């Protein structure tokens, strides 16, 4: 489990302290496939899915945080729904 922030436009350039200052969601990640050295596919879930639902669409981007530090960037490929998780 980690925390994540959905990217909304060019927030990195205009919001001081972003992404650490943004509203964070608790995210669950399960690796499903290694695509190459720096890319992997994950099954994604959220502890409070209704907070993530308005942002869940193919192409949406998330930043995964460890404290205030960015540790990964994710792009949603497919949204499967709450019963099966979401693929990133």
Protein backbone atom coordinates (compact mmCIF):
# COMPACT_ATOMS: atom_id res chain seq x y z
CA UNK A 1 0.00 0.00 0.00
CA UNK A 2 1.16 3.52 -0.81
CA UNK A 3 -0.30 6.96 -1.35
CA UNK A 4 -0.98 8.45 -4.76
CA UNK A 5 -2.14 11.67 -6.38
CA UNK A 6 -3.98 12.02 -9.69
CA UNK A 7 -2.25 14.46 -12.07
CA UNK A 8 -4.57 17.30 -13.08
CA UNK A 9 -2.99 19.25 -15.93
CA UNK A 10 0.34 20.96 -15.24
CA UNK A 11 0.09 20.96 -11.42
CA UNK A 12 3.81 20.25 -11.08
CA UNK A 13 4.53 23.71 -12.46
CA UNK A 14 1.82 25.77 -10.74
CA UNK A 15 1.14 24.31 -7.28
CA UNK A 16 3.82 24.86 -4.65
CA UNK A 17 4.85 21.60 -3.00
CA UNK A 18 2.88 19.46 -5.44
CA UNK A 19 2.42 16.47 -5.30
CA UNK A 20 3.02 16.25 -1.55
CA UNK A 21 0.57 19.12 -0.98
CA UNK A 22 -2.25 17.52 -3.03
CA UNK A 23 -5.13 15.39 -1.77
CA UNK A 24 -3.66 11.90 -1.48
CA UNK A 25 -5.41 8.55 -1.89
CA UNK A 26 -4.32 5.24 -0.38
CA UNK A 27 -3.52 2.94 -3.29
CA UNK A 28 -2.96 -0.82 -3.49
CA UNK A 29 -0.60 -2.07 -6.20
CA UNK A 30 -0.06 -5.65 -7.37
CA UNK A 31 2.50 -6.25 -10.12
CA UNK A 32 1.11 -8.45 -12.89
CA UNK A 33 3.70 -8.15 -15.67
CA UNK A 34 7.23 -6.86 -16.35
CA UNK A 35 7.22 -5.17 -19.73
CA UNK A 36 10.87 -4.09 -19.82
CA UNK A 37 13.57 -2.72 -17.52
CA UNK A 38 11.67 0.39 -16.39
CA UNK A 39 8.04 -0.52 -17.10
CA UNK A 40 5.61 -2.85 -15.40
CA UNK A 41 1.87 -3.51 -15.44
CA UNK A 42 -0.06 -3.42 -12.16
CA UNK A 43 -3.50 -4.18 -10.83
CA UNK A 44 -4.58 -1.09 -8.90
CA UNK A 45 -7.10 -0.67 -6.12
CA UNK A 46 -7.98 2.13 -3.72
CA UNK A 47 -8.94 1.95 -0.04
CA UNK A 48 -11.71 4.49 -0.74
CA UNK A 49 -12.63 3.77 -4.40
CA UNK A 50 -15.35 6.41 -4.57
CA UNK A 51 -12.70 9.15 -4.19
CA UNK A 52 -10.74 7.78 -7.16
CA UNK A 53 -13.77 6.99 -9.36
CA UNK A 54 -14.17 10.49 -10.90
CA UNK A 55 -10.56 10.31 -12.17
CA UNK A 56 -10.52 6.69 -13.37
CA UNK A 57 -10.34 6.75 -17.16
CA UNK A 58 -7.83 5.45 -19.72
CA UNK A 59 -4.93 7.87 -19.99
CA UNK A 60 -5.29 9.29 -16.46
CA UNK A 61 -1.96 9.66 -14.66
CA UNK A 62 -1.03 9.13 -11.03
CA UNK A 63 2.05 9.90 -9.01
CA UNK A 64 2.90 7.35 -6.29
CA UNK A 65 4.48 8.86 -3.19
CA UNK A 66 6.65 7.63 -0.35
CA UNK A 67 6.19 10.48 2.12
CA UNK A 68 6.76 13.66 0.10
CA UNK A 69 8.99 11.86 -2.45
CA UNK A 70 7.72 10.66 -5.86
CA UNK A 71 8.65 6.98 -6.37
CA UNK A 72 6.62 6.12 -9.50
CA UNK A 73 4.37 7.51 -12.18
CA UNK A 74 1.44 5.46 -13.46
CA UNK A 75 -0.85 5.73 -16.48
CA UNK A 76 -4.26 4.05 -16.47
CA UNK A 77 -4.70 1.77 -19.49
CA UNK A 78 -7.96 0.00 -18.72
CA UNK A 79 -10.69 0.51 -16.15
CA UNK A 80 -12.35 -2.77 -15.23
CA UNK A 81 -14.46 -1.70 -12.28
CA UNK A 82 -14.51 -2.28 -8.52
CA UNK A 83 -14.98 -6.06 -8.62
CA UNK A 84 -11.86 -6.74 -10.67
CA UNK A 85 -9.53 -3.86 -9.90
CA UNK A 86 -8.06 -1.45 -12.37
CA UNK A 87 -5.16 -2.16 -14.69
CA UNK A 88 -2.33 0.37 -15.00
